[in-house]
PDB file of N, CA and C in Angstrom:
ATOM      1  N   MET A   1      58.372 116.043  71.509  1.00  0.00           N
ATOM      2  CA  MET A   1      58.725 116.991  72.549  1.00  0.00           C
ATOM      3  C   MET A   1      59.693 116.329  73.519  1.00  0.00           C
ATOM      4  N   LYS A   2      60.575 117.151  74.037  1.00  0.00           N
ATOM      5  CA  LYS A   2      61.583 116.658  74.977  1.00  0.00           C
ATOM      6  C   LYS A   2      61.402 117.372  76.313  1.00  0.00           C
ATOM      7  N   HIS A   3      61.390 116.601  77.400  1.00  0.00           N
ATOM      8  CA  HIS A   3      61.248 117.167  78.741  1.00  0.00           C
ATOM      9  C   HIS A   3      62.556 117.840  79.154  1.00  0.00           C
ATOM     10  N   LEU A   4      62.457 119.077  79.649  1.00  0.00           N
ATOM     11  CA  LEU A   4      63.653 119.815  80.049  1.00  0.00           C
ATOM     12  C   LEU A   4      63.838 119.881  81.555  1.00  0.00           C
ATOM     13  N   THR A   5      62.770 120.204  82.288  1.00  0.00           N
ATOM     14  CA  THR A   5      62.894 120.352  83.732  1.00  0.00           C
ATOM     15  C   THR A   5      61.533 120.281  84.396  1.00  0.00           C
ATOM     16  N   LYS A   6      61.549 120.076  85.700  1.00  0.00           N
ATOM     17  CA  LYS A   6      60.333 120.072  86.514  1.00  0.00           C
ATOM     18  C   LYS A   6      60.630 120.826  87.796  1.00  0.00           C
ATOM     19  N   PHE A   7      59.686 121.665  88.221  1.00  0.00           N
ATOM     20  CA  PHE A   7      59.840 122.393  89.473  1.00  0.00           C
ATOM     21  C   PHE A   7      58.464 122.708  90.030  1.00  0.00           C
ATOM     22  N   SER A   8      58.405 123.195  91.254  1.00  0.00           N
ATOM     23  CA  SER A   8      57.141 123.537  91.909  1.00  0.00           C
ATOM     24  C   SER A   8      57.146 125.008  92.294  1.00  0.00           C
ATOM     25  N   ILE A   9      55.966 125.623  92.189  1.00  0.00           N
ATOM     26  CA  ILE A   9      55.800 127.018  92.615  1.00  0.00           C
ATOM     27  C   ILE A   9      54.461 127.150  93.331  1.00  0.00           C
ATOM     28  N   LYS A  10      54.304 128.246  94.071  1.00  0.00           N
ATOM     29  CA  LYS A  10      53.026 128.515  94.715  1.00  0.00           C
ATOM     30  C   LYS A  10      51.983 128.846  93.653  1.00  0.00           C
ATOM     31  N   ARG A  11      50.767 128.417  93.904  1.00  0.00           N
ATOM     32  CA  ARG A  11      49.673 128.590  92.950  1.00  0.00           C
ATOM     33  C   ARG A  11      49.454 130.053  92.566  1.00  0.00           C
ATOM     34  N   GLU A  12      49.595 130.974  93.507  1.00  0.00           N
ATOM     35  CA  GLU A  12      49.357 132.393  93.189  1.00  0.00           C
ATOM     36  C   GLU A  12      50.419 132.978  92.260  1.00  0.00           C
ATOM     37  N   ARG A  13      51.511 132.270  92.047  1.00  0.00           N
ATOM     38  CA  ARG A  13      52.573 132.733  91.134  1.00  0.00           C
ATOM     39  C   ARG A  13      52.431 132.152  89.724  1.00  0.00           C
ATOM     40  N   LYS A  14      51.348 131.452  89.457  1.00  0.00           N
ATOM     41  CA  LYS A  14      51.133 130.831  88.148  1.00  0.00           C
ATOM     42  C   LYS A  14      51.206 131.826  86.989  1.00  0.00           C
ATOM     43  N   PRO A  15      50.727 133.087  87.135  1.00  0.00           N
ATOM     44  CA  PRO A  15      50.836 134.026  86.010  1.00  0.00           C
ATOM     45  C   PRO A  15      52.289 134.282  85.565  1.00  0.00           C
ATOM     46  N   TRP A  16      53.240 134.013  86.431  1.00  0.00           N
ATOM     47  CA  TRP A  16      54.643 134.253  86.117  1.00  0.00           C
ATOM     48  C   TRP A  16      55.404 132.956  85.852  1.00  0.00           C
ATOM     49  N   VAL A  17      54.698 131.890  85.498  1.00  0.00           N
ATOM     50  CA  VAL A  17      55.330 130.591  85.327  1.00  0.00           C
ATOM     51  C   VAL A  17      56.409 130.621  84.239  1.00  0.00           C
ATOM     52  N   ALA A  18      56.219 131.397  83.182  1.00  0.00           N
ATOM     53  CA  ALA A  18      57.240 131.484  82.124  1.00  0.00           C
ATOM     54  C   ALA A  18      58.523 132.116  82.658  1.00  0.00           C
ATOM     55  N   THR A  19      58.391 133.078  83.541  1.00  0.00           N
ATOM     56  CA  THR A  19      59.563 133.713  84.149  1.00  0.00           C
ATOM     57  C   THR A  19      60.332 132.707  85.008  1.00  0.00           C
ATOM     58  N   PHE A  20      59.604 131.893  85.760  1.00  0.00           N
ATOM     59  CA  PHE A  20      60.254 130.868  86.578  1.00  0.00           C
ATOM     60  C   PHE A  20      60.935 129.821  85.696  1.00  0.00           C
ATOM     61  N   ALA A  21      60.301 129.453  84.588  1.00  0.00           N
ATOM     62  CA  ALA A  21      60.909 128.484  83.666  1.00  0.00           C
ATOM     63  C   ALA A  21      62.194 129.050  83.079  1.00  0.00           C
ATOM     64  N   LYS A  22      62.162 130.325  82.715  1.00  0.00           N
ATOM     65  CA  LYS A  22      63.368 130.960  82.163  1.00  0.00           C
ATOM     66  C   LYS A  22      64.488 130.978  83.197  1.00  0.00           C
ATOM     67  N   ARG A  23      64.131 131.227  84.447  1.00  0.00           N
ATOM     68  CA  ARG A  23      65.141 131.236  85.515  1.00  0.00           C
ATOM     69  C   ARG A  23      65.731 129.841  85.712  1.00  0.00           C
ATOM     70  N   GLU A  24      64.900 128.813  85.652  1.00  0.00           N
ATOM     71  CA  GLU A  24      65.369 127.436  85.821  1.00  0.00           C
ATOM     72  C   GLU A  24      66.319 127.017  84.696  1.00  0.00           C
ATOM     73  N   LEU A  25      66.006 127.412  83.463  1.00  0.00           N
ATOM     74  CA  LEU A  25      66.785 126.963  82.307  1.00  0.00           C
ATOM     75  C   LEU A  25      67.952 127.881  81.957  1.00  0.00           C
ATOM     76  N   GLY A  26      67.907 129.119  82.412  1.00  0.00           N
ATOM     77  CA  GLY A  26      68.998 130.052  82.137  1.00  0.00           C
ATOM     78  C   GLY A  26      69.105 130.391  80.659  1.00  0.00           C
ATOM     79  N   ASP A  27      70.325 130.437  80.146  1.00  0.00           N
ATOM     80  CA  ASP A  27      70.580 130.809  78.754  1.00  0.00           C
ATOM     81  C   ASP A  27      69.992 129.807  77.758  1.00  0.00           C
ATOM     82  N   VAL A  28      69.791 128.577  78.187  1.00  0.00           N
ATOM     83  CA  VAL A  28      69.227 127.557  77.299  1.00  0.00           C
ATOM     84  C   VAL A  28      67.836 127.984  76.815  1.00  0.00           C
ATOM     85  N   TYR A  29      67.050 128.593  77.689  1.00  0.00           N
ATOM     86  CA  TYR A  29      65.701 129.056  77.343  1.00  0.00           C
ATOM     87  C   TYR A  29      65.758 130.025  76.165  1.00  0.00           C
ATOM     88  N   ASP A  30      66.610 131.037  76.274  1.00  0.00           N
ATOM     89  CA  ASP A  30      66.728 132.033  75.199  1.00  0.00           C
ATOM     90  C   ASP A  30      67.260 131.417  73.909  1.00  0.00           C
ATOM     91  N   THR A  31      68.256 130.554  74.033  1.00  0.00           N
ATOM     92  CA  THR A  31      68.851 129.922  72.854  1.00  0.00           C
ATOM     93  C   THR A  31      67.824 129.094  72.106  1.00  0.00           C
ATOM     94  N   LEU A  32      67.038 128.301  72.834  1.00  0.00           N
ATOM     95  CA  LEU A  32      66.029 127.471  72.187  1.00  0.00           C
ATOM     96  C   LEU A  32      64.985 128.328  71.476  1.00  0.00           C
ATOM     97  N   GLN A  33      64.562 129.408  72.090  1.00  0.00           N
ATOM     98  CA  GLN A  33      63.571 130.283  71.457  1.00  0.00           C
ATOM     99  C   GLN A  33      64.144 131.005  70.244  1.00  0.00           C
ATOM    100  N   GLN A  34      65.384 131.436  70.312  1.00  0.00           N
ATOM    101  CA  GLN A  34      66.004 132.132  69.187  1.00  0.00           C
ATOM    102  C   GLN A  34      66.110 131.227  67.963  1.00  0.00           C
ATOM    103  N   GLN A  35      66.197 129.931  68.192  1.00  0.00           N
ATOM    104  CA  GLN A  35      66.285 128.974  67.086  1.00  0.00           C
ATOM    105  C   GLN A  35      64.913 128.626  66.514  1.00  0.00           C
ATOM    106  N   GLY A  36      63.851 129.199  67.075  1.00  0.00           N
ATOM    107  CA  GLY A  36      62.508 128.948  66.564  1.00  0.00           C
ATOM    108  C   GLY A  36      61.802 127.763  67.194  1.00  0.00           C
ATOM    109  N   ASN A  37      62.345 127.237  68.264  1.00  0.00           N
ATOM    110  CA  ASN A  37      61.707 126.124  68.963  1.00  0.00           C
ATOM    111  C   ASN A  37      60.628 126.659  69.898  1.00  0.00           C
ATOM    112  N   ALA A  38      59.638 125.828  70.200  1.00  0.00           N
ATOM    113  CA  ALA A  38      58.554 126.231  71.101  1.00  0.00           C
ATOM    114  C   ALA A  38      58.816 125.676  72.500  1.00  0.00           C
ATOM    115  N   ILE A  39      58.735 126.549  73.493  1.00  0.00           N
ATOM    116  CA  ILE A  39      58.815 126.127  74.882  1.00  0.00           C
ATOM    117  C   ILE A  39      57.379 125.851  75.339  1.00  0.00           C
ATOM    118  N   VAL A  40      57.119 124.630  75.809  1.00  0.00           N
ATOM    119  CA  VAL A  40      55.781 124.221  76.241  1.00  0.00           C
ATOM    120  C   VAL A  40      55.808 124.038  77.752  1.00  0.00           C
ATOM    121  N   ILE A  41      54.880 124.715  78.435  1.00  0.00           N
ATOM    122  CA  ILE A  41      54.826 124.670  79.894  1.00  0.00           C
ATOM    123  C   ILE A  41      53.495 124.054  80.310  1.00  0.00           C
ATOM    124  N   GLU A  42      53.553 122.991  81.111  1.00  0.00           N
ATOM    125  CA  GLU A  42      52.350 122.327  81.616  1.00  0.00           C
ATOM    126  C   GLU A  42      52.351 122.384  83.132  1.00  0.00           C
ATOM    127  N   THR A  43      51.197 122.697  83.713  1.00  0.00           N
ATOM    128  CA  THR A  43      51.072 122.747  85.165  1.00  0.00           C
ATOM    129  C   THR A  43      50.073 121.701  85.634  1.00  0.00           C
ATOM    130  N   THR A  44      50.368 121.109  86.794  1.00  0.00           N
ATOM    131  CA  THR A  44      49.488 120.119  87.404  1.00  0.00           C
ATOM    132  C   THR A  44      49.475 120.353  88.912  1.00  0.00           C
ATOM    133  N   GLU A  45      48.520 119.744  89.577  1.00  0.00           N
ATOM    134  CA  GLU A  45      48.475 119.809  91.035  1.00  0.00           C
ATOM    135  C   GLU A  45      49.751 119.185  91.601  1.00  0.00           C
ATOM    136  N   SER A  46      50.289 119.787  92.635  1.00  0.00           N
ATOM    137  CA  SER A  46      51.517 119.263  93.229  1.00  0.00           C
ATOM    138  C   SER A  46      51.276 117.889  93.840  1.00  0.00           C
ATOM    139  N   GLU A  47      52.206 116.989  93.605  1.00  0.00           N
ATOM    140  CA  GLU A  47      52.087 115.630  94.126  1.00  0.00           C
ATOM    141  C   GLU A  47      52.677 115.490  95.527  1.00  0.00           C
ATOM    142  N   ARG A  48      53.621 116.367  95.886  1.00  0.00           N
ATOM    143  CA  ARG A  48      54.331 116.177  97.152  1.00  0.00           C
ATOM    144  C   ARG A  48      54.276 117.377  98.085  1.00  0.00           C
ATOM    145  N   LEU A  49      53.694 118.485  97.632  1.00  0.00           N
ATOM    146  CA  LEU A  49      53.621 119.691  98.454  1.00  0.00           C
ATOM    147  C   LEU A  49      52.168 120.009  98.789  1.00  0.00           C
ATOM    148  N   PRO A  50      51.927 120.958  99.693  1.00  0.00           N
ATOM    149  CA  PRO A  50      50.552 121.308 100.061  1.00  0.00           C
ATOM    150  C   PRO A  50      49.733 121.788  98.852  1.00  0.00           C
ATOM    151  N   ASP A  51      48.426 121.926  99.071  1.00  0.00           N
ATOM    152  CA  ASP A  51      47.479 122.268  98.001  1.00  0.00           C
ATOM    153  C   ASP A  51      47.740 123.609  97.340  1.00  0.00           C
ATOM    154  N   ASN A  52      48.445 124.513  98.000  1.00  0.00           N
ATOM    155  CA  ASN A  52      48.675 125.829  97.402  1.00  0.00           C
ATOM    156  C   ASN A  52      49.901 125.850  96.481  1.00  0.00           C
ATOM    157  N   TYR A  53      50.403 124.676  96.094  1.00  0.00           N
ATOM    158  CA  TYR A  53      51.541 124.565  95.172  1.00  0.00           C
ATOM    159  C   TYR A  53      51.122 123.827  93.904  1.00  0.00           C
ATOM    160  N   ILE A  54      51.800 124.135  92.807  1.00  0.00           N
ATOM    161  CA  ILE A  54      51.605 123.415  91.548  1.00  0.00           C
ATOM    162  C   ILE A  54      52.958 122.929  91.045  1.00  0.00           C
ATOM    163  N   ASP A  55      52.924 121.817  90.328  1.00  0.00           N
ATOM    164  CA  ASP A  55      54.125 121.308  89.666  1.00  0.00           C
ATOM    165  C   ASP A  55      54.142 121.833  88.239  1.00  0.00           C
ATOM    166  N   VAL A  56      55.314 122.203  87.772  1.00  0.00           N
ATOM    167  CA  VAL A  56      55.476 122.759  86.433  1.00  0.00           C
ATOM    168  C   VAL A  56      56.454 121.871  85.659  1.00  0.00           C
ATOM    169  N   ASP A  57      56.016 121.389  84.510  1.00  0.00           N
ATOM    170  CA  ASP A  57      56.879 120.627  83.604  1.00  0.00           C
ATOM    171  C   ASP A  57      57.156 121.499  82.388  1.00  0.00           C
ATOM    172  N   VAL A  58      58.437 121.571  82.001  1.00  0.00           N
ATOM    173  CA  VAL A  58      58.827 122.384  80.849  1.00  0.00           C
ATOM    174  C   VAL A  58      59.376 121.459  79.773  1.00  0.00           C
ATOM    175  N   TYR A  59      58.826 121.606  78.564  1.00  0.00           N
ATOM    176  CA  TYR A  59      59.224 120.805  77.408  1.00  0.00           C
ATOM    177  C   TYR A  59      59.672 121.741  76.294  1.00  0.00           C
ATOM    178  N   VAL A  60      60.393 121.185  75.338  1.00  0.00           N
ATOM    179  CA  VAL A  60      60.715 121.929  74.118  1.00  0.00           C
ATOM    180  C   VAL A  60      60.187 121.121  72.942  1.00  0.00           C
ATOM    181  N   ASP A  61      59.507 121.818  72.046  1.00  0.00           N
ATOM    182  CA  ASP A  61      59.043 121.231  70.791  1.00  0.00           C
ATOM    183  C   ASP A  61      59.955 121.784  69.701  1.00  0.00           C
ATOM    184  N   PHE A  62      60.862 120.953  69.212  1.00  0.00           N
ATOM    185  CA  PHE A  62      61.887 121.408  68.274  1.00  0.00           C
ATOM    186  C   PHE A  62      61.282 121.741  66.911  1.00  0.00           C
ATOM    187  N   ALA A  63      61.751 122.830  66.327  1.00  0.00           N
ATOM    188  CA  ALA A  63      61.273 123.274  65.020  1.00  0.00           C
ATOM    189  C   ALA A  63      61.755 122.340  63.909  1.00  0.00           C
ATOM    190  N   THR A  64      62.971 121.816  64.069  1.00  0.00           N
ATOM    191  CA  THR A  64      63.534 120.924  63.049  1.00  0.00           C
ATOM    192  C   THR A  64      64.334 119.807  63.734  1.00  0.00           C
ATOM    193  N   PRO A  65      64.532 118.701  63.049  1.00  0.00           N
ATOM    194  CA  PRO A  65      65.384 117.634  63.608  1.00  0.00           C
ATOM    195  C   PRO A  65      66.821 118.124  63.855  1.00  0.00           C
ATOM    196  N   GLN A  66      67.283 119.063  63.037  1.00  0.00           N
ATOM    197  CA  GLN A  66      68.637 119.597  63.219  1.00  0.00           C
ATOM    198  C   GLN A  66      68.746 120.346  64.555  1.00  0.00           C
ATOM    199  N   ASN A  67      67.703 121.075  64.925  1.00  0.00           N
ATOM    200  CA  ASN A  67      67.713 121.775  66.216  1.00  0.00           C
ATOM    201  C   ASN A  67      67.768 120.782  67.374  1.00  0.00           C
ATOM    202  N   GLU A  68      67.034 119.685  67.234  1.00  0.00           N
ATOM    203  CA  GLU A  68      67.058 118.672  68.284  1.00  0.00           C
ATOM    204  C   GLU A  68      68.441 118.041  68.394  1.00  0.00           C
ATOM    205  N   MET A  69      69.068 117.761  67.271  1.00  0.00           N
ATOM    206  CA  MET A  69      70.417 117.191  67.274  1.00  0.00           C
ATOM    207  C   MET A  69      71.401 118.170  67.908  1.00  0.00           C
ATOM    208  N   TRP A  70      71.285 119.450  67.547  1.00  0.00           N
ATOM    209  CA  TRP A  70      72.156 120.470  68.131  1.00  0.00           C
ATOM    210  C   TRP A  70      72.010 120.490  69.646  1.00  0.00           C
ATOM    211  N   TYR A  71      70.775 120.452  70.126  1.00  0.00           N
ATOM    212  CA  TYR A  71      70.521 120.428  71.573  1.00  0.00           C
ATOM    213  C   TYR A  71      71.178 119.209  72.228  1.00  0.00           C
ATOM    214  N   ASN A  72      70.960 118.045  71.637  1.00  0.00           N
ATOM    215  CA  ASN A  72      71.514 116.817  72.206  1.00  0.00           C
ATOM    216  C   ASN A  72      73.035 116.832  72.250  1.00  0.00           C
ATOM    217  N   LEU A  73      73.667 117.481  71.299  1.00  0.00           N
ATOM    218  CA  LEU A  73      75.127 117.492  71.259  1.00  0.00           C
ATOM    219  C   LEU A  73      75.764 118.601  72.099  1.00  0.00           C
ATOM    220  N   THR A  74      75.057 119.707  72.297  1.00  0.00           N
ATOM    221  CA  THR A  74      75.718 120.853  72.930  1.00  0.00           C
ATOM    222  C   THR A  74      75.125 121.313  74.248  1.00  0.00           C
ATOM    223  N   LEU A  75      73.851 121.114  74.488  1.00  0.00           N
ATOM    224  CA  LEU A  75      73.251 121.725  75.676  1.00  0.00           C
ATOM    225  C   LEU A  75      72.882 120.765  76.784  1.00  0.00           C
ATOM    226  N   LYS A  76      72.901 119.498  76.545  1.00  0.00           N
ATOM    227  CA  LYS A  76      72.498 118.533  77.573  1.00  0.00           C
ATOM    228  C   LYS A  76      73.256 118.702  78.843  1.00  0.00           C
TER     229      LYS A  76
END
């Protein structure tokens, strides 16, 4: 898996975390999904903000090595 981005949101917005991830990544999110890759979203307690915030890490699990190579060459 490859780490794509990290951001923080309010805890009450956790049900919409995929929407926030899509906004952060833009067209890259759709492109990765269309290629059959899995977008993995992990949430943890915020390290630097108040208790009502969570940190969100977004990863991609590539379907094939070719997809990973394509990403490294074109989307970085």
